[in-house]
Amino acid sequence: MFFPKADYGSFTGKKDIEIQEDLKRRYGKNSFCFPSSRREKAFLAWVSKIKEWESQKEVEVSYDSPEKKKYEDRENGNMINIFDFSTGILGKKKIKENFSFKSFEVELSADNWEVKDYEKNSPLYRRYTKSETRIGKTDDITRHAREITKERDSYFAKAKFIYNWVIENIAYKGEEERKGVIKVFREKSGNTEEISLLLVVLLRAVGIPARLVSGAWGEDGKRQTFHSWVEFYIEDVGWVPVDCVKKMFGELDNERVIFSKGENILLKNAPEHSDIFDIKYKRALYMQPDVFYVDSEEEGFFVTRKSKYLLIKDPGKW
């Protein structure tokens, strides 16, 4: 994560809408700037700390900047660090995260796991079967999930059939625009994150606990590319990995890094809502690996494109 130096002079005297168009041409369609009415005074960054999971062991992590606060996301088990750049907000900022870990392949196989029913009053079951913000179980999706699994007896068989339906009917498209689960279900296409979220919703619709996993490819010497997949839970077995884009069910390669698990992750000290930073009810849909928020009343624009962030001073007052 870094903040490249801005070419302030080229923005001087231009209106907000003109600056926005300039930024899009330079940094891509996902760039944006705060309008003059949204000045900034507080700049916080939430970073999900890379930690140990079942397939990710012996983790060592360090940062080149001290965090202001750290806490555990108790609903999902993630560890979150908060960095504060509010002092001296304008100028170049950088968070460098150094990490190492051992990654293991996962392989689970069974013709038909006949296990006991779920403990439906358990915190795990309630957490990962509920309909929630931005991944709601609509009547259409619930009806469809129940229809295609009605002749399957075990939870494992239901999960496998839903997975097969997704990979056969939902086309992968590497588009950056977020459609939402309902639109992906109707249009039959989406990116890796949205296909994974649709799978989560379909599994939950038939009473199978499921959650999103956000991460990236972790191969040595290769550029980091964000990726998402899914885990569903079976009693007496545990969490079972599923990757619809890579067509992996019950198995996982060891060439990826996990940033976070679960959805609608709590961001302590965050605002209630921020449309620009996709914060709703103090929560981020996922962490890959960071979420930023810039509060109100200071002179500045904030521009983002993938993992690059640019903050420039109000050109009218430079």
C-alpha atoms as a PDB file:
ATOM      1  CA  MET A   1       0.000   0.000   0.000  1.00  0.00           C
ATOM      2  CA  PHE A   2       1.451   3.325  -0.909  1.00  0.00           C
ATOM      3  CA  PHE A   3       0.553   6.875  -1.854  1.00  0.00           C
ATOM      4  CA  PRO A   4       2.293   8.089  -5.025  1.00  0.00           C
ATOM      5  CA  LYS A   5       3.246  11.738  -5.415  1.00  0.00           C
ATOM      6  CA  ALA A   6       0.523  13.835  -7.020  1.00  0.00           C
ATOM      7  CA  ASP A   7       0.962  16.193  -9.955  1.00  0.00           C
ATOM      8  CA  TYR A   8      -0.795  19.079  -8.223  1.00  0.00           C
ATOM      9  CA  GLY A   9      -0.257  21.683 -10.916  1.00  0.00           C
ATOM     10  CA  SER A  10      -2.329  19.903 -13.563  1.00  0.00           C
ATOM     11  CA  PHE A  11      -5.454  20.112 -11.377  1.00  0.00           C
ATOM     12  CA  THR A  12      -5.237  23.846 -10.604  1.00  0.00           C
ATOM     13  CA  GLY A  13      -8.323  25.877 -11.443  1.00  0.00           C
ATOM     14  CA  LYS A  14     -10.455  22.889 -12.459  1.00  0.00           C
ATOM     15  CA  LYS A  15     -13.858  21.965 -11.094  1.00  0.00           C
ATOM     16  CA  ASP A  16     -14.493  18.735  -9.195  1.00  0.00           C
ATOM     17  CA  ILE A  17     -16.106  17.004 -12.169  1.00  0.00           C
ATOM     18  CA  GLU A  18     -13.180  17.899 -14.427  1.00  0.00           C
ATOM     19  CA  ILE A  19     -10.703  16.592 -11.856  1.00  0.00           C
ATOM     20  CA  GLN A  20     -12.699  13.368 -11.599  1.00  0.00           C
ATOM     21  CA  GLU A  21     -12.500  12.836 -15.371  1.00  0.00           C
ATOM     22  CA  ASP A  22      -8.752  13.563 -15.360  1.00  0.00           C
ATOM     23  CA  LEU A  23      -8.220  11.002 -12.598  1.00  0.00           C
ATOM     24  CA  LYS A  24     -10.199   8.361 -14.457  1.00  0.00           C
ATOM     25  CA  ARG A  25      -8.095   8.855 -17.553  1.00  0.00           C
ATOM     26  CA  ARG A  26      -4.858   8.632 -15.569  1.00  0.00           C
ATOM     27  CA  TYR A  27      -5.655   5.966 -13.008  1.00  0.00           C
ATOM     28  CA  GLY A  28      -8.605   4.035 -14.438  1.00  0.00           C
ATOM     29  CA  LYS A  29     -12.385   4.020 -14.128  1.00  0.00           C
ATOM     30  CA  ASN A  30     -12.328   3.019 -10.452  1.00  0.00           C
ATOM     31  CA  SER A  31     -10.568   6.229  -9.427  1.00  0.00           C
ATOM     32  CA  PHE A  32     -12.586   8.880  -7.641  1.00  0.00           C
ATOM     33  CA  CYS A  33     -12.157  12.127  -5.746  1.00  0.00           C
ATOM     34  CA  PHE A  34     -14.035  13.663  -2.862  1.00  0.00           C
ATOM     35  CA  PRO A  35     -16.025  16.726  -3.943  1.00  0.00           C
ATOM     36  CA  SER A  36     -15.179  20.102  -2.428  1.00  0.00           C
ATOM     37  CA  SER A  37     -18.024  19.659   0.055  1.00  0.00           C
ATOM     38  CA  ARG A  38     -16.299  16.577   1.547  1.00  0.00           C
ATOM     39  CA  ARG A  39     -13.072  17.874   3.111  1.00  0.00           C
ATOM     40  CA  GLU A  40     -11.054  15.485   5.195  1.00  0.00           C
ATOM     41  CA  LYS A  41      -9.639  15.595   8.722  1.00  0.00           C
ATOM     42  CA  ALA A  42      -9.197  11.959   9.804  1.00  0.00           C
ATOM     43  CA  PHE A  43      -7.536   9.238   7.783  1.00  0.00           C
ATOM     44  CA  LEU A  44      -7.767   5.685   9.164  1.00  0.00           C
ATOM     45  CA  ALA A  45      -6.721   2.389   7.620  1.00  0.00           C
ATOM     46  CA  TRP A  46      -7.946  -1.014   8.814  1.00  0.00           C
ATOM     47  CA  VAL A  47      -5.664  -3.890   7.827  1.00  0.00           C
ATOM     48  CA  SER A  48      -6.488  -7.557   8.391  1.00  0.00           C
ATOM     49  CA  LYS A  49      -3.442  -9.142   9.961  1.00  0.00           C
ATOM     50  CA  ILE A  50      -2.344 -12.350   8.270  1.00  0.00           C
ATOM     51  CA  LYS A  51      -2.812 -15.077  10.882  1.00  0.00           C
ATOM     52  CA  GLU A  52      -2.813 -18.823  11.284  1.00  0.00           C
ATOM     53  CA  TRP A  53      -5.677 -20.869   9.869  1.00  0.00           C
ATOM     54  CA  GLU A  54      -5.964 -24.596   9.190  1.00  0.00           C
ATOM     55  CA  SER A  55      -4.001 -24.357   5.923  1.00  0.00           C
ATOM     56  CA  GLN A  56      -1.751 -21.435   6.944  1.00  0.00           C
ATOM     57  CA  LYS A  57       0.768 -22.068   9.730  1.00  0.00           C
ATOM     58  CA  GLU A  58       3.910 -20.624  11.346  1.00  0.00           C
ATOM     59  CA  VAL A  59       2.898 -17.078  10.407  1.00  0.00           C
ATOM     60  CA  GLU A  60       5.254 -14.175  11.100  1.00  0.00           C
ATOM     61  CA  VAL A  61       4.087 -10.597  10.432  1.00  0.00           C
ATOM     62  CA  SER A  62       5.651  -7.159  10.912  1.00  0.00           C
ATOM     63  CA  TYR A  63       4.779  -3.589   9.842  1.00  0.00           C
ATOM     64  CA  ASP A  64       6.998  -0.585   9.211  1.00  0.00           C
ATOM     65  CA  SER A  65       4.460   1.709  10.917  1.00  0.00           C
ATOM     66  CA  PRO A  66       3.013   1.259  14.426  1.00  0.00           C
ATOM     67  CA  GLU A  67      -0.695   0.521  14.580  1.00  0.00           C
ATOM     68  CA  LYS A  68      -2.932   2.759  16.678  1.00  0.00           C
ATOM     69  CA  LYS A  69      -5.154  -0.086  17.803  1.00  0.00           C
ATOM     70  CA  LYS A  70      -5.647  -3.814  17.236  1.00  0.00           C
ATOM     71  CA  TYR A  71      -8.554  -6.066  18.022  1.00  0.00           C
ATOM     72  CA  GLU A  72     -10.078  -9.453  17.265  1.00  0.00           C
ATOM     73  CA  ASP A  73     -13.113  -9.781  15.027  1.00  0.00           C
ATOM     74  CA  ARG A  74     -14.733 -12.299  17.373  1.00  0.00           C
ATOM     75  CA  GLU A  75     -17.539 -13.216  14.985  1.00  0.00           C
ATOM     76  CA  ASN A  76     -15.124 -14.621  12.393  1.00  0.00           C
ATOM     77  CA  GLY A  77     -11.736 -14.957  14.090  1.00  0.00           C
ATOM     78  CA  ASN A  78      -9.935 -12.268  12.075  1.00  0.00           C
ATOM     79  CA  MET A  79      -7.304  -9.997  13.625  1.00  0.00           C
ATOM     80  CA  ILE A  80      -7.604  -6.312  12.621  1.00  0.00           C
ATOM     81  CA  ASN A  81      -5.028  -3.521  12.975  1.00  0.00           C
ATOM     82  CA  ILE A  82      -5.997   0.170  12.766  1.00  0.00           C
ATOM     83  CA  PHE A  83      -3.444   2.686  11.439  1.00  0.00           C
ATOM     84  CA  ASP A  84      -3.989   6.424  11.904  1.00  0.00           C
ATOM     85  CA  PHE A  85      -2.620   8.935   9.380  1.00  0.00           C
ATOM     86  CA  SER A  86      -4.682  11.896  10.585  1.00  0.00           C
ATOM     87  CA  THR A  87      -1.580  13.911  11.548  1.00  0.00           C
ATOM     88  CA  GLY A  88       0.061  15.283   8.443  1.00  0.00           C
ATOM     89  CA  ILE A  89      -2.612  13.789   6.258  1.00  0.00           C
ATOM     90  CA  LEU A  90      -1.354  15.387   3.056  1.00  0.00           C
ATOM     91  CA  GLY A  91       1.774  13.851   1.588  1.00  0.00           C
ATOM     92  CA  LYS A  92       3.170  10.394   1.038  1.00  0.00           C
ATOM     93  CA  LYS A  93       2.117   7.623   3.406  1.00  0.00           C
ATOM     94  CA  LYS A  94       3.057   3.987   3.374  1.00  0.00           C
ATOM     95  CA  ILE A  95       2.228   0.801   5.233  1.00  0.00           C
ATOM     96  CA  LYS A  96       4.600  -2.041   4.479  1.00  0.00           C
ATOM     97  CA  GLU A  97       3.606  -5.473   5.723  1.00  0.00           C
ATOM     98  CA  ASN A  98       6.255  -8.189   5.810  1.00  0.00           C
ATOM     99  CA  PHE A  99       5.016 -11.721   6.331  1.00  0.00           C
ATOM    100  CA  SER A 100       5.998 -15.338   5.973  1.00  0.00           C
ATOM    101  CA  PHE A 101       4.113 -18.572   6.569  1.00  0.00           C
ATOM    102  CA  LYS A 102       3.850 -22.202   5.586  1.00  0.00           C
ATOM    103  CA  SER A 103       0.891 -23.018   3.361  1.00  0.00           C
ATOM    104  CA  PHE A 104      -0.542 -26.526   3.203  1.00  0.00           C
ATOM    105  CA  GLU A 105      -2.715 -28.259   0.648  1.00  0.00           C
ATOM    106  CA  VAL A 106      -6.156 -29.364   1.833  1.00  0.00           C
ATOM    107  CA  GLU A 107      -7.849 -32.512   0.606  1.00  0.00           C
ATOM    108  CA  LEU A 108     -11.048 -33.950   2.069  1.00  0.00           C
ATOM    109  CA  SER A 109     -12.873 -36.796   0.383  1.00  0.00           C
ATOM    110  CA  ALA A 110     -16.016 -38.780   1.100  1.00  0.00           C
ATOM    111  CA  ASP A 111     -18.656 -40.502  -0.972  1.00  0.00           C
ATOM    112  CA  ASN A 112     -21.356 -39.367   1.411  1.00  0.00           C
ATOM    113  CA  TRP A 113     -20.617 -37.927   4.844  1.00  0.00           C
ATOM    114  CA  GLU A 114     -23.350 -39.289   7.059  1.00  0.00           C
ATOM    115  CA  VAL A 115     -22.953 -37.185  10.168  1.00  0.00           C
ATOM    116  CA  LYS A 116     -25.151 -35.897  12.928  1.00  0.00           C
ATOM    117  CA  ASP A 117     -27.413 -32.920  12.369  1.00  0.00           C
ATOM    118  CA  TYR A 118     -26.220 -29.403  13.131  1.00  0.00           C
ATOM    119  CA  GLU A 119     -26.443 -27.885  16.585  1.00  0.00           C
ATOM    120  CA  LYS A 120     -28.838 -25.231  15.363  1.00  0.00           C
ATOM    121  CA  ASN A 121     -28.643 -23.131  18.520  1.00  0.00           C
ATOM    122  CA  SER A 122     -24.851 -22.918  18.368  1.00  0.00           C
ATOM    123  CA  PRO A 123     -23.215 -19.515  17.674  1.00  0.00           C
ATOM    124  CA  LEU A 124     -21.471 -20.980  14.596  1.00  0.00           C
ATOM    125  CA  TYR A 125     -24.684 -22.233  13.038  1.00  0.00           C
ATOM    126  CA  ARG A 126     -26.603 -19.024  13.724  1.00  0.00           C
ATOM    127  CA  ARG A 127     -23.754 -16.846  12.434  1.00  0.00           C
ATOM    128  CA  TYR A 128     -23.145 -18.663   9.155  1.00  0.00           C
ATOM    129  CA  THR A 129     -26.686 -19.539   8.094  1.00  0.00           C
ATOM    130  CA  LYS A 130     -28.313 -16.137   8.545  1.00  0.00           C
ATOM    131  CA  SER A 131     -29.400 -13.733   5.846  1.00  0.00           C
ATOM    132  CA  GLU A 132     -27.481 -10.483   6.299  1.00  0.00           C
ATOM    133  CA  THR A 133     -26.662  -7.151   4.719  1.00  0.00           C
ATOM    134  CA  ARG A 134     -25.467  -7.448   1.095  1.00  0.00           C
ATOM    135  CA  ILE A 135     -25.735 -11.252   1.042  1.00  0.00           C
ATOM    136  CA  GLY A 136     -29.419 -11.712   1.723  1.00  0.00           C
ATOM    137  CA  LYS A 137     -31.369 -14.876   0.954  1.00  0.00           C
ATOM    138  CA  THR A 138     -34.142 -13.747  -1.378  1.00  0.00           C
ATOM    139  CA  ASP A 139     -37.242 -15.867  -1.969  1.00  0.00           C
ATOM    140  CA  ASP A 140     -36.073 -16.707  -5.511  1.00  0.00           C
ATOM    141  CA  ILE A 141     -32.636 -17.856  -4.411  1.00  0.00           C
ATOM    142  CA  THR A 142     -33.988 -19.824  -1.441  1.00  0.00           C
ATOM    143  CA  ARG A 143     -36.647 -21.501  -3.574  1.00  0.00           C
ATOM    144  CA  HIS A 144     -34.101 -22.414  -6.226  1.00  0.00           C
ATOM    145  CA  ALA A 145     -31.580 -23.815  -3.721  1.00  0.00           C
ATOM    146  CA  ARG A 146     -34.235 -26.005  -2.095  1.00  0.00           C
ATOM    147  CA  GLU A 147     -35.592 -27.181  -5.442  1.00  0.00           C
ATOM    148  CA  ILE A 148     -32.254 -28.350  -6.850  1.00  0.00           C
ATOM    149  CA  THR A 149     -31.318 -30.161  -3.608  1.00  0.00           C
ATOM    150  CA  LYS A 150     -34.695 -31.671  -2.624  1.00  0.00           C
ATOM    151  CA  GLU A 151     -33.677 -35.218  -3.615  1.00  0.00           C
ATOM    152  CA  ARG A 152     -30.300 -35.058  -1.838  1.00  0.00           C
ATOM    153  CA  ASP A 153     -30.306 -36.575   1.627  1.00  0.00           C
ATOM    154  CA  SER A 154     -27.054 -35.481   3.266  1.00  0.00           C
ATOM    155  CA  TYR A 155     -25.680 -31.982   3.744  1.00  0.00           C
ATOM    156  CA  PHE A 156     -22.543 -33.039   1.872  1.00  0.00           C
ATOM    157  CA  ALA A 157     -24.621 -34.166  -1.129  1.00  0.00           C
ATOM    158  CA  LYS A 158     -26.593 -30.916  -1.073  1.00  0.00           C
ATOM    159  CA  ALA A 159     -23.413 -28.839  -0.962  1.00  0.00           C
ATOM    160  CA  LYS A 160     -21.844 -30.814  -3.812  1.00  0.00           C
ATOM    161  CA  PHE A 161     -24.945 -30.414  -5.978  1.00  0.00           C
ATOM    162  CA  ILE A 162     -25.144 -26.658  -5.347  1.00  0.00           C
ATOM    163  CA  TYR A 163     -21.437 -26.354  -6.206  1.00  0.00           C
ATOM    164  CA  ASN A 164     -21.983 -28.295  -9.459  1.00  0.00           C
ATOM    165  CA  TRP A 165     -24.931 -26.067 -10.354  1.00  0.00           C
ATOM    166  CA  VAL A 166     -22.844 -22.912  -9.829  1.00  0.00           C
ATOM    167  CA  ILE A 167     -19.866 -24.022 -11.935  1.00  0.00           C
ATOM    168  CA  GLU A 168     -22.190 -25.234 -14.708  1.00  0.00           C
ATOM    169  CA  ASN A 169     -24.503 -22.201 -14.781  1.00  0.00           C
ATOM    170  CA  ILE A 170     -22.618 -19.122 -13.516  1.00  0.00           C
ATOM    171  CA  ALA A 171     -19.942 -17.822 -15.888  1.00  0.00           C
ATOM    172  CA  TYR A 172     -16.779 -16.297 -14.474  1.00  0.00           C
ATOM    173  CA  LYS A 173     -16.019 -12.776 -15.717  1.00  0.00           C
ATOM    174  CA  GLY A 174     -13.072 -10.865 -14.322  1.00  0.00           C
ATOM    175  CA  GLU A 175     -14.975  -7.582 -14.172  1.00  0.00           C
ATOM    176  CA  GLU A 176     -14.350  -5.153 -11.322  1.00  0.00           C
ATOM    177  CA  GLU A 177     -17.837  -3.665 -11.131  1.00  0.00           C
ATOM    178  CA  ARG A 178     -19.816  -5.136  -8.240  1.00  0.00           C
ATOM    179  CA  LYS A 179     -23.245  -6.422  -9.278  1.00  0.00           C
ATOM    180  CA  GLY A 180     -24.526  -7.938  -6.067  1.00  0.00           C
ATOM    181  CA  VAL A 181     -25.672 -11.503  -5.397  1.00  0.00           C
ATOM    182  CA  ILE A 182     -29.195 -11.094  -6.810  1.00  0.00           C
ATOM    183  CA  LYS A 183     -27.971  -9.691 -10.118  1.00  0.00           C
ATOM    184  CA  VAL A 184     -25.313 -12.405 -10.462  1.00  0.00           C
ATOM    185  CA  PHE A 185     -27.992 -15.043  -9.866  1.00  0.00           C
ATOM    186  CA  ARG A 186     -30.250 -13.513 -12.514  1.00  0.00           C
ATOM    187  CA  GLU A 187     -27.595 -12.673 -15.113  1.00  0.00           C
ATOM    188  CA  LYS A 188     -25.651 -15.912 -14.553  1.00  0.00           C
ATOM    189  CA  SER A 189     -22.209 -14.277 -14.453  1.00  0.00           C
ATOM    190  CA  GLY A 190     -19.901 -12.562 -11.980  1.00  0.00           C
ATOM    191  CA  ASN A 191     -16.357 -12.148 -10.730  1.00  0.00           C
ATOM    192  CA  THR A 192     -14.624 -14.463  -8.262  1.00  0.00           C
ATOM    193  CA  GLU A 193     -15.914 -12.580  -5.204  1.00  0.00           C
ATOM    194  CA  GLU A 194     -19.531 -12.443  -6.377  1.00  0.00           C
ATOM    195  CA  ILE A 195     -19.665 -16.068  -7.494  1.00  0.00           C
ATOM    196  CA  SER A 196     -18.317 -17.041  -4.075  1.00  0.00           C
ATOM    197  CA  LEU A 197     -20.904 -14.885  -2.299  1.00  0.00           C
ATOM    198  CA  LEU A 198     -23.686 -16.453  -4.379  1.00  0.00           C
ATOM    199  CA  LEU A 199     -22.464 -19.910  -3.361  1.00  0.00           C
ATOM    200  CA  VAL A 200     -22.505 -18.802   0.294  1.00  0.00           C
ATOM    201  CA  VAL A 201     -26.120 -17.626  -0.021  1.00  0.00           C
ATOM    202  CA  LEU A 202     -27.259 -20.814  -1.810  1.00  0.00           C
ATOM    203  CA  LEU A 203     -25.659 -23.025   0.852  1.00  0.00           C
ATOM    204  CA  ARG A 204     -27.164 -21.020   3.704  1.00  0.00           C
ATOM    205  CA  ALA A 205     -30.579 -21.237   2.022  1.00  0.00           C
ATOM    206  CA  VAL A 206     -30.624 -25.005   2.622  1.00  0.00           C
ATOM    207  CA  GLY A 207     -29.296 -24.756   6.173  1.00  0.00           C
ATOM    208  CA  ILE A 208     -25.588 -25.334   5.530  1.00  0.00           C
ATOM    209  CA  PRO A 209     -23.221 -22.933   7.350  1.00  0.00           C
ATOM    210  CA  ALA A 210     -20.979 -21.187   4.812  1.00  0.00           C
ATOM    211  CA  ARG A 211     -18.585 -18.226   4.708  1.00  0.00           C
ATOM    212  CA  LEU A 212     -16.488 -16.215   2.275  1.00  0.00           C
ATOM    213  CA  VAL A 213     -12.683 -16.455   2.305  1.00  0.00           C
ATOM    214  CA  SER A 214     -10.781 -13.435   0.953  1.00  0.00           C
ATOM    215  CA  GLY A 215      -7.162 -13.773  -0.053  1.00  0.00           C
ATOM    216  CA  ALA A 216      -4.702 -13.708  -2.911  1.00  0.00           C
ATOM    217  CA  TRP A 217      -2.445 -15.964  -4.900  1.00  0.00           C
ATOM    218  CA  GLY A 218       0.753 -16.418  -2.891  1.00  0.00           C
ATOM    219  CA  GLU A 219       3.171 -17.908  -5.386  1.00  0.00           C
ATOM    220  CA  ASP A 220       6.796 -16.811  -5.051  1.00  0.00           C
ATOM    221  CA  GLY A 221       7.944 -14.361  -7.686  1.00  0.00           C
ATOM    222  CA  LYS A 222       4.453 -13.680  -9.051  1.00  0.00           C
ATOM    223  CA  ARG A 223       2.331 -10.552  -8.815  1.00  0.00           C
ATOM    224  CA  GLN A 224      -0.273 -10.677  -6.075  1.00  0.00           C
ATOM    225  CA  THR A 225      -3.799 -11.113  -7.433  1.00  0.00           C
ATOM    226  CA  PHE A 226      -6.808 -10.985  -5.128  1.00  0.00           C
ATOM    227  CA  HIS A 227      -9.037 -14.053  -5.058  1.00  0.00           C
ATOM    228  CA  SER A 228     -12.067 -15.315  -3.128  1.00  0.00           C
ATOM    229  CA  TRP A 229     -13.418 -18.752  -2.347  1.00  0.00           C
ATOM    230  CA  VAL A 230     -15.818 -20.426   0.121  1.00  0.00           C
ATOM    231  CA  GLU A 231     -15.876 -22.762   3.104  1.00  0.00           C
ATOM    232  CA  PHE A 232     -18.921 -24.714   4.296  1.00  0.00           C
ATOM    233  CA  TYR A 233     -19.226 -26.498   7.623  1.00  0.00           C
ATOM    234  CA  ILE A 234     -20.033 -30.158   8.300  1.00  0.00           C
ATOM    235  CA  GLU A 235     -20.454 -31.443  11.864  1.00  0.00           C
ATOM    236  CA  ASP A 236     -17.651 -33.826  12.948  1.00  0.00           C
ATOM    237  CA  VAL A 237     -15.677 -32.838   9.819  1.00  0.00           C
ATOM    238  CA  GLY A 238     -15.105 -29.092  10.043  1.00  0.00           C
ATOM    239  CA  TRP A 239     -14.768 -26.418   7.371  1.00  0.00           C
ATOM    240  CA  VAL A 240     -14.668 -27.728   3.806  1.00  0.00           C
ATOM    241  CA  PRO A 241     -13.038 -25.492   1.126  1.00  0.00           C
ATOM    242  CA  VAL A 242     -14.726 -24.835  -2.232  1.00  0.00           C
ATOM    243  CA  ASP A 243     -13.369 -22.753  -5.130  1.00  0.00           C
ATOM    244  CA  CYS A 244     -15.890 -22.424  -7.972  1.00  0.00           C
ATOM    245  CA  VAL A 245     -13.575 -20.458 -10.271  1.00  0.00           C
ATOM    246  CA  LYS A 246     -10.740 -23.009  -9.940  1.00  0.00           C
ATOM    247  CA  LYS A 247     -13.249 -25.904  -9.799  1.00  0.00           C
ATOM    248  CA  MET A 248     -12.015 -27.320  -6.509  1.00  0.00           C
ATOM    249  CA  PHE A 249     -14.400 -29.023  -4.074  1.00  0.00           C
ATOM    250  CA  GLY A 250     -13.116 -30.355  -0.755  1.00  0.00           C
ATOM    251  CA  GLU A 251      -9.567 -29.468  -1.710  1.00  0.00           C
ATOM    252  CA  LEU A 252      -7.310 -26.437  -1.870  1.00  0.00           C
ATOM    253  CA  ASP A 253      -3.854 -25.770  -3.304  1.00  0.00           C
ATOM    254  CA  ASN A 254      -1.042 -24.252  -1.223  1.00  0.00           C
ATOM    255  CA  GLU A 255      -0.349 -21.272  -3.477  1.00  0.00           C
ATOM    256  CA  ARG A 256      -2.604 -18.699  -1.809  1.00  0.00           C
ATOM    257  CA  VAL A 257      -2.650 -16.436   1.228  1.00  0.00           C
ATOM    258  CA  ILE A 258      -5.711 -15.847   3.438  1.00  0.00           C
ATOM    259  CA  PHE A 259      -6.502 -12.258   4.487  1.00  0.00           C
ATOM    260  CA  SER A 260      -9.900 -12.714   6.134  1.00  0.00           C
ATOM    261  CA  LYS A 261     -12.826 -15.064   6.606  1.00  0.00           C
ATOM    262  CA  GLY A 262     -16.500 -14.184   6.888  1.00  0.00           C
ATOM    263  CA  GLU A 263     -18.529 -11.222   5.646  1.00  0.00           C
ATOM    264  CA  ASN A 264     -19.651  -7.846   7.006  1.00  0.00           C
ATOM    265  CA  ILE A 265     -16.584  -7.597   9.230  1.00  0.00           C
ATOM    266  CA  LEU A 266     -16.849  -5.178  12.151  1.00  0.00           C
ATOM    267  CA  LEU A 267     -14.659  -2.053  11.837  1.00  0.00           C
ATOM    268  CA  LYS A 268     -14.178  -0.500  15.263  1.00  0.00           C
ATOM    269  CA  ASN A 269     -14.006   3.317  15.280  1.00  0.00           C
ATOM    270  CA  ALA A 270     -15.565   3.425  11.801  1.00  0.00           C
ATOM    271  CA  PRO A 271     -18.462   5.641  10.717  1.00  0.00           C
ATOM    272  CA  GLU A 272     -21.934   4.145  10.442  1.00  0.00           C
ATOM    273  CA  HIS A 273     -21.961   4.507   6.653  1.00  0.00           C
ATOM    274  CA  SER A 274     -19.625   5.471   3.822  1.00  0.00           C
ATOM    275  CA  ASP A 275     -20.763   4.850   0.260  1.00  0.00           C
ATOM    276  CA  ILE A 276     -17.324   5.704  -1.100  1.00  0.00           C
ATOM    277  CA  PHE A 277     -15.542   3.135   1.075  1.00  0.00           C
ATOM    278  CA  ASP A 278     -18.341   0.561   1.146  1.00  0.00           C
ATOM    279  CA  ILE A 279     -18.855   0.769   4.907  1.00  0.00           C
ATOM    280  CA  LYS A 280     -22.349  -0.060   6.155  1.00  0.00           C
ATOM    281  CA  TYR A 281     -23.291  -0.247   9.826  1.00  0.00           C
ATOM    282  CA  LYS A 282     -19.596  -0.016  10.797  1.00  0.00           C
ATOM    283  CA  ARG A 283     -18.840  -3.079   8.693  1.00  0.00           C
ATOM    284  CA  ALA A 284     -16.836  -3.936   5.585  1.00  0.00           C
ATOM    285  CA  LEU A 285     -18.068  -6.725   3.324  1.00  0.00           C
ATOM    286  CA  TYR A 286     -14.597  -8.315   3.347  1.00  0.00           C
ATOM    287  CA  MET A 287     -10.904  -7.416   3.881  1.00  0.00           C
ATOM    288  CA  GLN A 288      -8.456  -7.713   0.975  1.00  0.00           C
ATOM    289  CA  PRO A 289      -6.473  -6.805   3.001  1.00  0.00           C
ATOM    290  CA  ASP A 290      -7.438  -3.208   3.806  1.00  0.00           C
ATOM    291  CA  VAL A 291     -10.362  -0.810   4.208  1.00  0.00           C
ATOM    292  CA  PHE A 292      -9.837   2.950   4.260  1.00  0.00           C
ATOM    293  CA  TYR A 293     -11.940   5.784   5.586  1.00  0.00           C
ATOM    294  CA  VAL A 294     -11.330   9.505   5.374  1.00  0.00           C
ATOM    295  CA  ASP A 295     -13.540  11.595   7.659  1.00  0.00           C
ATOM    296  CA  SER A 296     -14.805  15.145   7.012  1.00  0.00           C
ATOM    297  CA  GLU A 297     -13.469  18.727   6.910  1.00  0.00           C
ATOM    298  CA  GLU A 298      -9.977  19.070   5.526  1.00  0.00           C
ATOM    299  CA  GLU A 299      -8.688  20.134   2.142  1.00  0.00           C
ATOM    300  CA  GLY A 300      -7.991  17.093   0.028  1.00  0.00           C
ATOM    301  CA  PHE A 301      -9.032  14.538  -2.527  1.00  0.00           C
ATOM    302  CA  PHE A 302      -8.612  10.808  -2.181  1.00  0.00           C
ATOM    303  CA  VAL A 303      -8.076   8.618  -5.209  1.00  0.00           C
ATOM    304  CA  THR A 304      -7.892   4.849  -5.348  1.00  0.00           C
ATOM    305  CA  ARG A 305      -7.126   2.272  -7.975  1.00  0.00           C
ATOM    306  CA  LYS A 306      -6.748  -1.319  -6.837  1.00  0.00           C
ATOM    307  CA  SER A 307      -3.946  -1.278  -4.227  1.00  0.00           C
ATOM    308  CA  LYS A 308      -2.679   2.236  -5.017  1.00  0.00           C
ATOM    309  CA  TYR A 309      -3.981   5.260  -3.160  1.00  0.00           C
ATOM    310  CA  LEU A 310      -3.403   8.901  -3.926  1.00  0.00           C
ATOM    311  CA  LEU A 311      -4.252  11.890  -1.739  1.00  0.00           C
ATOM    312  CA  ILE A 312      -3.994  15.348  -3.294  1.00  0.00           C
ATOM    313  CA  LYS A 313      -4.621  18.777  -1.829  1.00  0.00           C
ATOM    314  CA  ASP A 314      -7.512  20.917  -3.000  1.00  0.00           C
ATOM    315  CA  PRO A 315      -6.085  22.333  -6.280  1.00  0.00           C
ATOM    316  CA  GLY A 316      -8.084  25.513  -5.927  1.00  0.00           C
ATOM    317  CA  LYS A 317      -6.159  26.399  -2.774  1.00  0.00           C
ATOM    318  CA  TRP A 318      -2.739  24.953  -3.582  1.00  0.00           C
END
